[in-house]
Amino acid sequence: SVVAGSVSAGDKWLFLSSTMLKQTERTSL
């Protein structure tokens, strides 16, 4: 829902932590 809402609004989304495709824990941007 969050990703689809971002697409609908024309915004870019960034995962800071997630398990959608693989475990993600970003430490910097």
PDB file of all heavy atoms in Angstrom:
ATOM      1  N   SER A   1       0.826  -1.206   0.000  1.00  0.00           N
ATOM      2  CA  SER A   1       0.000   0.000   0.000  1.00  0.00           C
ATOM      3  C   SER A   1       0.859   1.254   0.000  1.00  0.00           C
ATOM      4  O   SER A   1       0.571   2.222  -0.718  1.00  0.00           O
ATOM      5  CB  SER A   1      -0.920   0.012   1.226  1.00  0.00           C
ATOM      6  OG  SER A   1      -1.800  -1.078   1.214  1.00  0.00           O
ATOM      7  N   VAL A   2       1.921   1.243   0.807  1.00  0.00           N
ATOM      8  CA  VAL A   2       2.793   2.422   0.895  1.00  0.00           C
ATOM      9  C   VAL A   2       3.497   2.665  -0.436  1.00  0.00           C
ATOM     10  O   VAL A   2       3.559   3.797  -0.933  1.00  0.00           O
ATOM     11  CB  VAL A   2       3.824   2.245   2.027  1.00  0.00           C
ATOM     12  CG1 VAL A   2       4.766   3.451   2.068  1.00  0.00           C
ATOM     13  CG2 VAL A   2       3.115   2.082   3.370  1.00  0.00           C
ATOM     14  N   VAL A   3       4.025   1.594  -1.027  1.00  0.00           N
ATOM     15  CA  VAL A   3       4.718   1.731  -2.313  1.00  0.00           C
ATOM     16  C   VAL A   3       3.743   2.188  -3.400  1.00  0.00           C
ATOM     17  O   VAL A   3       4.039   3.101  -4.181  1.00  0.00           O
ATOM     18  CB  VAL A   3       5.395   0.399  -2.712  1.00  0.00           C
ATOM     19  CG1 VAL A   3       5.926   0.482  -4.139  1.00  0.00           C
ATOM     20  CG2 VAL A   3       6.528   0.073  -1.742  1.00  0.00           C
ATOM     21  N   ALA A   4       2.558   1.578  -3.442  1.00  0.00           N
ATOM     22  CA  ALA A   4       1.567   1.963  -4.454  1.00  0.00           C
ATOM     23  C   ALA A   4       1.117   3.404  -4.258  1.00  0.00           C
ATOM     24  O   ALA A   4       0.904   4.142  -5.234  1.00  0.00           O
ATOM     25  CB  ALA A   4       0.359   1.022  -4.392  1.00  0.00           C
ATOM     26  N   GLY A   5       0.963   3.838  -3.011  1.00  0.00           N
ATOM     27  CA  GLY A   5       0.602   5.229  -2.742  1.00  0.00           C
ATOM     28  C   GLY A   5       1.679   6.187  -3.212  1.00  0.00           C
ATOM     29  O   GLY A   5       1.380   7.262  -3.752  1.00  0.00           O
ATOM     30  N   SER A   6       2.950   5.801  -3.035  1.00  0.00           N
ATOM     31  CA  SER A   6       4.063   6.630  -3.510  1.00  0.00           C
ATOM     32  C   SER A   6       4.048   6.746  -5.027  1.00  0.00           C
ATOM     33  O   SER A   6       4.233   7.835  -5.583  1.00  0.00           O
ATOM     34  CB  SER A   6       5.402   6.022  -3.053  1.00  0.00           C
ATOM     35  OG  SER A   6       5.450   5.892  -1.655  1.00  0.00           O
ATOM     36  N   VAL A   7       3.814   5.618  -5.698  1.00  0.00           N
ATOM     37  CA  VAL A   7       3.756   5.623  -7.162  1.00  0.00           C
ATOM     38  C   VAL A   7       2.618   6.516  -7.640  1.00  0.00           C
ATOM     39  O   VAL A   7       2.766   7.326  -8.562  1.00  0.00           O
ATOM     40  CB  VAL A   7       3.578   4.192  -7.700  1.00  0.00           C
ATOM     41  CG1 VAL A   7       3.319   4.209  -9.207  1.00  0.00           C
ATOM     42  CG2 VAL A   7       4.813   3.350  -7.395  1.00  0.00           C
ATOM     43  N   SER A   8       1.455   6.380  -6.993  1.00  0.00           N
ATOM     44  CA  SER A   8       0.285   7.168  -7.382  1.00  0.00           C
ATOM     45  C   SER A   8       0.543   8.660  -7.201  1.00  0.00           C
ATOM     46  O   SER A   8       0.085   9.482  -8.002  1.00  0.00           O
ATOM     47  CB  SER A   8      -0.927   6.739  -6.556  1.00  0.00           C
ATOM     48  OG  SER A   8      -2.076   7.459  -6.925  1.00  0.00           O
ATOM     49  N   ALA A   9       1.295   9.022  -6.159  1.00  0.00           N
ATOM     50  CA  ALA A   9       1.600  10.434  -5.902  1.00  0.00           C
ATOM     51  C   ALA A   9       2.785  10.931  -6.716  1.00  0.00           C
ATOM     52  O   ALA A   9       3.091  12.130  -6.708  1.00  0.00           O
ATOM     53  CB  ALA A   9       1.875  10.638  -4.414  1.00  0.00           C
ATOM     54  N   GLY A  10       3.469  10.019  -7.411  1.00  0.00           N
ATOM     55  CA  GLY A  10       4.632  10.411  -8.205  1.00  0.00           C
ATOM     56  C   GLY A  10       5.866  10.676  -7.365  1.00  0.00           C
ATOM     57  O   GLY A  10       6.765  11.415  -7.779  1.00  0.00           O
ATOM     58  N   ASP A  11       5.931  10.065  -6.177  1.00  0.00           N
ATOM     59  CA  ASP A  11       7.069  10.262  -5.277  1.00  0.00           C
ATOM     60  C   ASP A  11       8.008   9.053  -5.317  1.00  0.00           C
ATOM     61  O   ASP A  11       7.584   7.930  -5.587  1.00  0.00           O
ATOM     62  CB  ASP A  11       6.587  10.465  -3.841  1.00  0.00           C
ATOM     63  CG  ASP A  11       5.877  11.794  -3.651  1.00  0.00           C
ATOM     64  OD1 ASP A  11       6.121  12.706  -4.455  1.00  0.00           O
ATOM     65  OD2 ASP A  11       5.076  11.909  -2.705  1.00  0.00           O
ATOM     66  N   LYS A  12       9.259   9.302  -4.997  1.00  0.00           N
ATOM     67  CA  LYS A  12      10.238   8.228  -4.882  1.00  0.00           C
ATOM     68  C   LYS A  12      10.193   7.679  -3.465  1.00  0.00           C
ATOM     69  O   LYS A  12      10.046   8.421  -2.503  1.00  0.00           O
ATOM     70  CB  LYS A  12      11.641   8.759  -5.179  1.00  0.00           C
ATOM     71  CG  LYS A  12      12.753   7.717  -5.071  1.00  0.00           C
ATOM     72  CD  LYS A  12      14.105   8.340  -5.368  1.00  0.00           C
ATOM     73  CE  LYS A  12      15.222   7.310  -5.229  1.00  0.00           C
ATOM     74  NZ  LYS A  12      16.555   7.912  -5.484  1.00  0.00           N
ATOM     75  N   TRP A  13      10.277   6.365  -3.316  1.00  0.00           N
ATOM     76  CA  TRP A  13      10.284   5.770  -1.987  1.00  0.00           C
ATOM     77  C   TRP A  13      11.647   5.168  -1.707  1.00  0.00           C
ATOM     78  O   TRP A  13      12.342   4.664  -2.599  1.00  0.00           O
ATOM     79  CB  TRP A  13       9.186   4.725  -1.831  1.00  0.00           C
ATOM     80  CG  TRP A  13       9.402   3.463  -2.628  1.00  0.00           C
ATOM     81  CD1 TRP A  13      10.028   2.326  -2.212  1.00  0.00           C
ATOM     82  CD2 TRP A  13       9.013   3.218  -3.986  1.00  0.00           C
ATOM     83  NE1 TRP A  13      10.042   1.384  -3.202  1.00  0.00           N
ATOM     84  CE2 TRP A  13       9.423   1.912  -4.311  1.00  0.00           C
ATOM     85  CE3 TRP A  13       8.348   3.981  -4.951  1.00  0.00           C
ATOM     86  CZ2 TRP A  13       9.198   1.356  -5.563  1.00  0.00           C
ATOM     87  CZ3 TRP A  13       8.119   3.432  -6.196  1.00  0.00           C
ATOM     88  CH2 TRP A  13       8.545   2.138  -6.487  1.00  0.00           C
ATOM     89  N   LEU A  14      12.059   5.214  -0.429  1.00  0.00           N
ATOM     90  CA  LEU A  14      13.336   4.670  -0.001  1.00  0.00           C
ATOM     91  C   LEU A  14      13.117   3.817   1.241  1.00  0.00           C
ATOM     92  O   LEU A  14      12.514   4.266   2.219  1.00  0.00           O
ATOM     93  CB  LEU A  14      14.327   5.798   0.335  1.00  0.00           C
ATOM     94  CG  LEU A  14      14.864   6.628  -0.834  1.00  0.00           C
ATOM     95  CD1 LEU A  14      15.663   7.805  -0.299  1.00  0.00           C
ATOM     96  CD2 LEU A  14      15.742   5.770  -1.728  1.00  0.00           C
ATOM     97  N   PHE A  15      13.597   2.570   1.222  1.00  0.00           N
ATOM     98  CA  PHE A  15      13.516   1.693   2.386  1.00  0.00           C
ATOM     99  C   PHE A  15      14.738   1.920   3.273  1.00  0.00           C
ATOM    100  O   PHE A  15      15.874   1.768   2.823  1.00  0.00           O
ATOM    101  CB  PHE A  15      13.476   0.225   1.951  1.00  0.00           C
ATOM    102  CG  PHE A  15      12.183  -0.202   1.336  1.00  0.00           C
ATOM    103  CD1 PHE A  15      12.073  -0.441  -0.025  1.00  0.00           C
ATOM    104  CD2 PHE A  15      11.051  -0.378   2.132  1.00  0.00           C
ATOM    105  CE1 PHE A  15      10.879  -0.846  -0.593  1.00  0.00           C
ATOM    106  CE2 PHE A  15       9.845  -0.783   1.572  1.00  0.00           C
ATOM    107  CZ  PHE A  15       9.759  -1.016   0.205  1.00  0.00           C
ATOM    108  N   LEU A  16      14.492   2.277   4.523  1.00  0.00           N
ATOM    109  CA  LEU A  16      15.583   2.334   5.496  1.00  0.00           C
ATOM    110  C   LEU A  16      15.725   0.999   6.206  1.00  0.00           C
ATOM    111  O   LEU A  16      16.814   0.601   6.598  1.00  0.00           O
ATOM    112  CB  LEU A  16      15.337   3.439   6.522  1.00  0.00           C
ATOM    113  CG  LEU A  16      15.199   4.864   5.977  1.00  0.00           C
ATOM    114  CD1 LEU A  16      15.138   5.853   7.135  1.00  0.00           C
ATOM    115  CD2 LEU A  16      16.351   5.217   5.054  1.00  0.00           C
ATOM    116  N   SER A  17      14.587   0.321   6.398  1.00  0.00           N
ATOM    117  CA  SER A  17      14.596  -1.047   6.916  1.00  0.00           C
ATOM    118  C   SER A  17      13.403  -1.771   6.320  1.00  0.00           C
ATOM    119  O   SER A  17      12.335  -1.198   6.159  1.00  0.00           O
ATOM    120  CB  SER A  17      14.541  -1.071   8.449  1.00  0.00           C
ATOM    121  OG  SER A  17      13.415  -0.359   8.918  1.00  0.00           O
ATOM    122  N   SER A  18      13.609  -3.042   5.988  1.00  0.00           N
ATOM    123  CA  SER A  18      12.559  -3.773   5.280  1.00  0.00           C
ATOM    124  C   SER A  18      12.916  -5.250   5.194  1.00  0.00           C
ATOM    125  O   SER A  18      14.080  -5.633   5.350  1.00  0.00           O
ATOM    126  CB  SER A  18      12.380  -3.205   3.868  1.00  0.00           C
ATOM    127  OG  SER A  18      11.481  -3.973   3.112  1.00  0.00           O
ATOM    128  N   THR A  19      11.911  -6.072   4.927  1.00  0.00           N
ATOM    129  CA  THR A  19      12.141  -7.473   4.583  1.00  0.00           C
ATOM    130  C   THR A  19      11.401  -7.799   3.284  1.00  0.00           C
ATOM    131  O   THR A  19      11.114  -8.961   3.009  1.00  0.00           O
ATOM    132  CB  THR A  19      11.626  -8.409   5.701  1.00  0.00           C
ATOM    133  OG1 THR A  19      10.238  -8.168   5.917  1.00  0.00           O
ATOM    134  CG2 THR A  19      12.395  -8.200   6.982  1.00  0.00           C
ATOM    135  N   MET A  20      11.087  -6.777   2.491  1.00  0.00           N
ATOM    136  CA  MET A  20      10.255  -6.997   1.309  1.00  0.00           C
ATOM    137  C   MET A  20      10.954  -7.921   0.303  1.00  0.00           C
ATOM    138  O   MET A  20      10.361  -8.879  -0.188  1.00  0.00           O
ATOM    139  CB  MET A  20       9.908  -5.664   0.665  1.00  0.00           C
ATOM    140  CG  MET A  20       8.841  -5.788  -0.427  1.00  0.00           C
ATOM    141  SD  MET A  20       8.255  -4.193  -0.975  1.00  0.00           S
ATOM    142  CE  MET A  20       6.936  -4.717  -2.088  1.00  0.00           C
ATOM    143  N   LEU A  21      12.181  -7.614  -0.052  1.00  0.00           N
ATOM    144  CA  LEU A  21      12.946  -8.470  -0.959  1.00  0.00           C
ATOM    145  C   LEU A  21      14.048  -9.207  -0.214  1.00  0.00           C
ATOM    146  O   LEU A  21      14.280 -10.379  -0.428  1.00  0.00           O
ATOM    147  CB  LEU A  21      13.541  -7.631  -2.096  1.00  0.00           C
ATOM    148  CG  LEU A  21      12.518  -6.922  -3.000  1.00  0.00           C
ATOM    149  CD1 LEU A  21      13.236  -6.054  -4.026  1.00  0.00           C
ATOM    150  CD2 LEU A  21      11.624  -7.937  -3.701  1.00  0.00           C
ATOM    151  N   LYS A  22      14.728  -8.496   0.632  1.00  0.00           N
ATOM    152  CA  LYS A  22      15.733  -9.077   1.511  1.00  0.00           C
ATOM    153  C   LYS A  22      15.810  -8.184   2.743  1.00  0.00           C
ATOM    154  O   LYS A  22      15.287  -7.065   2.747  1.00  0.00           O
ATOM    155  CB  LYS A  22      17.093  -9.162   0.817  1.00  0.00           C
ATOM    156  CG  LYS A  22      17.665  -7.792   0.432  1.00  0.00           C
ATOM    157  CD  LYS A  22      19.034  -7.937  -0.211  1.00  0.00           C
ATOM    158  CE  LYS A  22      19.605  -6.553  -0.563  1.00  0.00           C
ATOM    159  NZ  LYS A  22      20.955  -6.656  -1.153  1.00  0.00           N
ATOM    160  N   GLN A  23      16.461  -8.680   3.770  1.00  0.00           N
ATOM    161  CA  GLN A  23      16.561  -7.865   4.973  1.00  0.00           C
ATOM    162  C   GLN A  23      17.394  -6.629   4.675  1.00  0.00           C
ATOM    163  O   GLN A  23      18.510  -6.712   4.160  1.00  0.00           O
ATOM    164  CB  GLN A  23      17.204  -8.653   6.105  1.00  0.00           C
ATOM    165  CG  GLN A  23      17.253  -7.858   7.410  1.00  0.00           C
ATOM    166  CD  GLN A  23      18.242  -8.420   8.392  1.00  0.00           C
ATOM    167  OE1 GLN A  23      18.571  -9.594   8.307  1.00  0.00           O
ATOM    168  NE2 GLN A  23      18.719  -7.574   9.291  1.00  0.00           N
ATOM    169  N   THR A  24      16.820  -5.460   4.993  1.00  0.00           N
ATOM    170  CA  THR A  24      17.489  -4.184   4.737  1.00  0.00           C
ATOM    171  C   THR A  24      17.624  -3.407   6.036  1.00  0.00           C
ATOM    172  O   THR A  24      16.652  -3.241   6.772  1.00  0.00           O
ATOM    173  CB  THR A  24      16.688  -3.338   3.732  1.00  0.00           C
ATOM    174  OG1 THR A  24      16.578  -4.055   2.506  1.00  0.00           O
ATOM    175  CG2 THR A  24      17.353  -1.998   3.481  1.00  0.00           C
ATOM    176  N   GLU A  25      18.843  -2.974   6.329  1.00  0.00           N
ATOM    177  CA  GLU A  25      19.104  -2.070   7.452  1.00  0.00           C
ATOM    178  C   GLU A  25      20.128  -1.047   6.982  1.00  0.00           C
ATOM    179  O   GLU A  25      21.330  -1.259   7.099  1.00  0.00           O
ATOM    180  CB  GLU A  25      19.656  -2.817   8.669  1.00  0.00           C
ATOM    181  CG  GLU A  25      18.664  -3.679   9.412  1.00  0.00           C
ATOM    182  CD  GLU A  25      19.285  -4.283  10.663  1.00  0.00           C
ATOM    183  OE1 GLU A  25      20.120  -3.609  11.312  1.00  0.00           O
ATOM    184  OE2 GLU A  25      18.972  -5.439  10.975  1.00  0.00           O
ATOM    185  N   ARG A  26      19.663   0.057   6.463  1.00  0.00           N
ATOM    186  CA  ARG A  26      20.594   1.056   5.950  1.00  0.00           C
ATOM    187  C   ARG A  26      21.201   1.846   7.096  1.00  0.00           C
ATOM    188  O   ARG A  26      20.544   2.154   8.090  1.00  0.00           O
ATOM    189  CB  ARG A  26      19.894   1.989   4.971  1.00  0.00           C
ATOM    190  CG  ARG A  26      19.430   1.273   3.710  1.00  0.00           C
ATOM    191  CD  ARG A  26      19.104   2.234   2.595  1.00  0.00           C
ATOM    192  NE  ARG A  26      20.255   3.023   2.177  1.00  0.00           N
ATOM    193  CZ  ARG A  26      20.254   3.851   1.130  1.00  0.00           C
ATOM    194  NH1 ARG A  26      19.141   3.998   0.420  1.00  0.00           N
ATOM    195  NH2 ARG A  26      21.318   4.526   0.803  1.00  0.00           N
ATOM    196  N   THR A  27      22.482   2.176   6.936  1.00  0.00           N
ATOM    197  CA  THR A  27      23.195   2.943   7.960  1.00  0.00           C
ATOM    198  C   THR A  27      23.564   4.339   7.493  1.00  0.00           C
ATOM    199  O   THR A  27      24.066   5.144   8.282  1.00  0.00           O
ATOM    200  CB  THR A  27      24.476   2.204   8.376  1.00  0.00           C
ATOM    201  OG1 THR A  27      25.301   1.992   7.209  1.00  0.00           O
ATOM    202  CG2 THR A  27      24.142   0.859   9.008  1.00  0.00           C
ATOM    203  N   SER A  28      23.293   4.642   6.213  1.00  0.00           N
ATOM    204  CA  SER A  28      23.592   5.983   5.696  1.00  0.00           C
ATOM    205  C   SER A  28      22.775   6.227   4.433  1.00  0.00           C
ATOM    206  O   SER A  28      22.282   5.287   3.796  1.00  0.00           O
ATOM    207  CB  SER A  28      25.089   6.131   5.383  1.00  0.00           C
ATOM    208  OG  SER A  28      25.471   5.236   4.340  1.00  0.00           O
ATOM    209  N   LEU A  29      22.624   7.496   4.097  1.00  0.00           N
ATOM    210  CA  LEU A  29      21.981   7.906   2.852  1.00  0.00           C
ATOM    211  C   LEU A  29      22.923   8.824   2.095  1.00  0.00           C
ATOM    212  O   LEU A  29      23.690   9.583   2.698  1.00  0.00           O
ATOM    213  CB  LEU A  29      20.671   8.657   3.128  1.00  0.00           C
ATOM    214  CG  LEU A  29      19.491   7.866   3.696  1.00  0.00           C
ATOM    215  CD1 LEU A  29      18.318   8.812   3.937  1.00  0.00           C
ATOM    216  CD2 LEU A  29      19.082   6.732   2.765  1.00  0.00           C
TER     217      LEU A  29
END
